[in-house]
Amino acid sequence: MLTRIGLNTQPNESLIDVTEQVKQIVHQSGVDEGICVLVVPHTTAGITLNSIMDRATLDDLKNEVRRLVPTRVDFEHIYDTPADAAGHIKSTLVGANLSLIITKGELLLGGSQGILFFEFDGPRAREIVVRILCEK
């Protein structure tokens, strides 16, 4: 089963909790045991797992990624904008895919874990491609 989650992101950088959308897709698939693969087909966006218990965690994640890779004009590959060049590097650091276990019809996540979509060069129309694989 292949599904897409559409997102419209805010200007600059944003972090969006997509946990419930992915859980709903898993539930609708009817798969009891399997794998959920999430792919972000964009070069200035990413996806990760982290705590969603405290809103400040999301702010810290955004701030630290921005600190590690600041937007600057001395990148070699500035085709579009400096933010676009920085976004390519941030996407590589964060990653553009996740594979999650489905067991007993549910995603296997830790108690505070959530699925977070990172935007590094918004605003943009984005998508997450979701593939559900069933264990035979």
C-alpha atoms as a PDB file:
ATOM      1  CA  MET A   1       0.000   0.000   0.000  1.00  0.00           C
ATOM      2  CA  LEU A   2       1.408   3.397  -1.027  1.00  0.00           C
ATOM      3  CA  THR A   3      -0.009   6.614   0.432  1.00  0.00           C
ATOM      4  CA  ARG A   4       1.081  10.236   0.488  1.00  0.00           C
ATOM      5  CA  ILE A   5       0.736  12.810   3.237  1.00  0.00           C
ATOM      6  CA  GLY A   6       0.552  16.352   1.865  1.00  0.00           C
ATOM      7  CA  LEU A   7       1.943  19.262   3.870  1.00  0.00           C
ATOM      8  CA  ASN A   8       2.100  23.012   3.327  1.00  0.00           C
ATOM      9  CA  THR A   9       4.967  24.409   5.348  1.00  0.00           C
ATOM     10  CA  GLN A  10       5.581  27.782   6.941  1.00  0.00           C
ATOM     11  CA  PRO A  11       8.258  30.256   5.807  1.00  0.00           C
ATOM     12  CA  ASN A  12      11.856  29.344   6.612  1.00  0.00           C
ATOM     13  CA  GLU A  13      12.204  26.339   8.937  1.00  0.00           C
ATOM     14  CA  SER A  14       9.470  24.360  10.625  1.00  0.00           C
ATOM     15  CA  LEU A  15       8.991  21.104  12.450  1.00  0.00           C
ATOM     16  CA  ILE A  16       5.665  19.309  12.070  1.00  0.00           C
ATOM     17  CA  ASP A  17       4.424  16.368  14.145  1.00  0.00           C
ATOM     18  CA  VAL A  18       2.925  13.874  11.668  1.00  0.00           C
ATOM     19  CA  THR A  19       2.575  10.968  14.115  1.00  0.00           C
ATOM     20  CA  GLU A  20      -1.221  10.830  14.071  1.00  0.00           C
ATOM     21  CA  GLN A  21      -1.440  10.955  10.264  1.00  0.00           C
ATOM     22  CA  VAL A  22       0.980   8.025   9.969  1.00  0.00           C
ATOM     23  CA  LYS A  23      -0.828   6.055  12.699  1.00  0.00           C
ATOM     24  CA  GLN A  24      -4.101   6.574  10.820  1.00  0.00           C
ATOM     25  CA  ILE A  25      -2.567   5.260   7.585  1.00  0.00           C
ATOM     26  CA  VAL A  26      -1.251   2.190   9.422  1.00  0.00           C
ATOM     27  CA  HIS A  27      -4.672   1.576  10.969  1.00  0.00           C
ATOM     28  CA  GLN A  28      -6.446   1.972   7.597  1.00  0.00           C
ATOM     29  CA  SER A  29      -4.024  -0.484   5.980  1.00  0.00           C
ATOM     30  CA  GLY A  30      -5.291  -3.311   8.153  1.00  0.00           C
ATOM     31  CA  VAL A  31      -1.740  -4.683   8.437  1.00  0.00           C
ATOM     32  CA  ASP A  32      -1.237  -6.533  11.715  1.00  0.00           C
ATOM     33  CA  GLU A  33       2.513  -7.239  11.434  1.00  0.00           C
ATOM     34  CA  GLY A  34       4.849  -5.449   9.048  1.00  0.00           C
ATOM     35  CA  ILE A  35       6.910  -2.374   8.291  1.00  0.00           C
ATOM     36  CA  CYS A  36       5.957   1.254   7.645  1.00  0.00           C
ATOM     37  CA  VAL A  37       8.475   3.047   5.432  1.00  0.00           C
ATOM     38  CA  LEU A  38       8.382   6.850   5.274  1.00  0.00           C
ATOM     39  CA  VAL A  39      10.246   8.722   2.526  1.00  0.00           C
ATOM     40  CA  VAL A  40      10.593  12.483   2.105  1.00  0.00           C
ATOM     41  CA  PRO A  41      11.310  13.073  -1.618  1.00  0.00           C
ATOM     42  CA  HIS A  42      12.719  16.569  -1.122  1.00  0.00           C
ATOM     43  CA  THR A  43      16.328  17.779  -0.834  1.00  0.00           C
ATOM     44  CA  THR A  44      15.618  20.502   1.735  1.00  0.00           C
ATOM     45  CA  ALA A  45      13.386  18.561   4.117  1.00  0.00           C
ATOM     46  CA  GLY A  46      13.781  15.587   6.424  1.00  0.00           C
ATOM     47  CA  ILE A  47      12.081  13.214   8.840  1.00  0.00           C
ATOM     48  CA  THR A  48      13.063  11.904  12.261  1.00  0.00           C
ATOM     49  CA  LEU A  49      11.847  10.374  15.525  1.00  0.00           C
ATOM     50  CA  ASN A  50      12.054  12.273  18.773  1.00  0.00           C
ATOM     51  CA  SER A  51      10.128  13.245  21.884  1.00  0.00           C
ATOM     52  CA  ILE A  52       6.807  15.009  21.381  1.00  0.00           C
ATOM     53  CA  MET A  53       5.973  15.251  25.091  1.00  0.00           C
ATOM     54  CA  ASP A  54       7.309  18.793  25.539  1.00  0.00           C
ATOM     55  CA  ARG A  55       6.838  21.495  22.897  1.00  0.00           C
ATOM     56  CA  ALA A  56      10.194  22.990  23.932  1.00  0.00           C
ATOM     57  CA  THR A  57      11.937  19.871  22.567  1.00  0.00           C
ATOM     58  CA  LEU A  58      10.767  20.785  19.062  1.00  0.00           C
ATOM     59  CA  ASP A  59      12.091  24.313  19.486  1.00  0.00           C
ATOM     60  CA  ASP A  60      15.423  22.964  20.749  1.00  0.00           C
ATOM     61  CA  LEU A  61      15.698  20.611  17.762  1.00  0.00           C
ATOM     62  CA  LYS A  62      15.043  23.428  15.289  1.00  0.00           C
ATOM     63  CA  ASN A  63      17.453  25.772  17.051  1.00  0.00           C
ATOM     64  CA  GLU A  64      20.282  23.246  17.278  1.00  0.00           C
ATOM     65  CA  VAL A  65      20.020  22.178  13.636  1.00  0.00           C
ATOM     66  CA  ARG A  66      20.076  25.873  12.699  1.00  0.00           C
ATOM     67  CA  ARG A  67      23.134  26.381  14.944  1.00  0.00           C
ATOM     68  CA  LEU A  68      24.968  23.401  13.418  1.00  0.00           C
ATOM     69  CA  VAL A  69      24.270  24.543   9.838  1.00  0.00           C
ATOM     70  CA  PRO A  70      23.606  28.276   9.726  1.00  0.00           C
ATOM     71  CA  THR A  71      22.339  29.909   6.561  1.00  0.00           C
ATOM     72  CA  ARG A  72      25.315  31.648   4.996  1.00  0.00           C
ATOM     73  CA  VAL A  73      26.443  32.911   1.613  1.00  0.00           C
ATOM     74  CA  ASP A  74      29.784  31.089   1.341  1.00  0.00           C
ATOM     75  CA  PHE A  75      28.414  27.667   0.351  1.00  0.00           C
ATOM     76  CA  GLU A  76      29.823  26.432  -2.936  1.00  0.00           C
ATOM     77  CA  HIS A  77      26.458  25.299  -4.313  1.00  0.00           C
ATOM     78  CA  ILE A  78      24.169  28.322  -3.957  1.00  0.00           C
ATOM     79  CA  TYR A  79      21.882  27.762  -6.951  1.00  0.00           C
ATOM     80  CA  ASP A  80      18.686  29.127  -5.484  1.00  0.00           C
ATOM     81  CA  THR A  81      19.340  30.848  -2.136  1.00  0.00           C
ATOM     82  CA  PRO A  82      21.701  30.424   0.833  1.00  0.00           C
ATOM     83  CA  ALA A  83      18.783  28.877   2.775  1.00  0.00           C
ATOM     84  CA  ASP A  84      18.384  26.288   0.022  1.00  0.00           C
ATOM     85  CA  ALA A  85      22.074  25.337   0.230  1.00  0.00           C
ATOM     86  CA  ALA A  86      21.910  25.072   4.028  1.00  0.00           C
ATOM     87  CA  GLY A  87      18.712  23.016   3.671  1.00  0.00           C
ATOM     88  CA  HIS A  88      20.518  20.400   1.577  1.00  0.00           C
ATOM     89  CA  ILE A  89      23.056  19.866   4.337  1.00  0.00           C
ATOM     90  CA  LYS A  90      20.417  19.833   7.087  1.00  0.00           C
ATOM     91  CA  SER A  91      18.380  17.264   5.158  1.00  0.00           C
ATOM     92  CA  THR A  92      21.427  15.017   4.907  1.00  0.00           C
ATOM     93  CA  LEU A  93      22.112  15.296   8.646  1.00  0.00           C
ATOM     94  CA  VAL A  94      18.509  14.649   9.703  1.00  0.00           C
ATOM     95  CA  GLY A  95      17.741  12.034   7.042  1.00  0.00           C
ATOM     96  CA  ALA A  96      14.974  11.638   4.512  1.00  0.00           C
ATOM     97  CA  ASN A  97      13.483   8.272   5.473  1.00  0.00           C
ATOM     98  CA  LEU A  98      12.353   6.117   8.396  1.00  0.00           C
ATOM     99  CA  SER A  99      11.411   2.461   8.705  1.00  0.00           C
ATOM    100  CA  LEU A 100       9.097   1.642  11.591  1.00  0.00           C
ATOM    101  CA  ILE A 101       7.849  -1.706  12.867  1.00  0.00           C
ATOM    102  CA  ILE A 102       4.125  -2.433  12.848  1.00  0.00           C
ATOM    103  CA  THR A 103       3.041  -4.959  15.457  1.00  0.00           C
ATOM    104  CA  LYS A 104      -0.482  -5.883  16.535  1.00  0.00           C
ATOM    105  CA  GLY A 105      -1.746  -3.292  14.038  1.00  0.00           C
ATOM    106  CA  GLU A 106       0.108  -0.384  15.671  1.00  0.00           C
ATOM    107  CA  LEU A 107       3.363   1.473  15.105  1.00  0.00           C
ATOM    108  CA  LEU A 108       6.023   0.382  17.558  1.00  0.00           C
ATOM    109  CA  LEU A 109       7.014   3.724  19.116  1.00  0.00           C
ATOM    110  CA  GLY A 110       8.418   4.619  22.513  1.00  0.00           C
ATOM    111  CA  GLY A 111       6.082   6.302  24.974  1.00  0.00           C
ATOM    112  CA  SER A 112       7.236   9.815  24.131  1.00  0.00           C
ATOM    113  CA  GLN A 113       8.336   9.242  20.524  1.00  0.00           C
ATOM    114  CA  GLY A 114       6.708  10.972  17.614  1.00  0.00           C
ATOM    115  CA  ILE A 115       7.371  11.294  13.888  1.00  0.00           C
ATOM    116  CA  LEU A 116       8.635  14.759  12.992  1.00  0.00           C
ATOM    117  CA  PHE A 117       8.819  16.311   9.536  1.00  0.00           C
ATOM    118  CA  PHE A 118      11.510  18.986   9.164  1.00  0.00           C
ATOM    119  CA  GLU A 119      11.197  21.818   6.647  1.00  0.00           C
ATOM    120  CA  PHE A 120      14.425  23.711   6.037  1.00  0.00           C
ATOM    121  CA  ASP A 121      13.487  26.087   3.190  1.00  0.00           C
ATOM    122  CA  GLY A 122       9.803  26.934   3.321  1.00  0.00           C
ATOM    123  CA  PRO A 123       7.185  27.822   2.519  1.00  0.00           C
ATOM    124  CA  ARG A 124       6.616  24.870   0.226  1.00  0.00           C
ATOM    125  CA  ALA A 125       4.102  22.198  -0.700  1.00  0.00           C
ATOM    126  CA  ARG A 126       5.640  18.949   0.566  1.00  0.00           C
ATOM    127  CA  GLU A 127       4.772  15.299   0.874  1.00  0.00           C
ATOM    128  CA  ILE A 128       5.745  12.215   2.790  1.00  0.00           C
ATOM    129  CA  VAL A 129       5.453   8.965   0.860  1.00  0.00           C
ATOM    130  CA  VAL A 130       4.249   6.092   3.060  1.00  0.00           C
ATOM    131  CA  ARG A 131       4.662   2.436   2.085  1.00  0.00           C
ATOM    132  CA  ILE A 132       3.120  -0.260   4.290  1.00  0.00           C
ATOM    133  CA  LEU A 133       4.655  -3.714   3.930  1.00  0.00           C
ATOM    134  CA  CYS A 134       2.833  -6.725   5.324  1.00  0.00           C
ATOM    135  CA  GLU A 135       4.683  -9.611   6.976  1.00  0.00           C
ATOM    136  CA  LYS A 136       3.598 -12.951   5.540  1.00  0.00           C
END
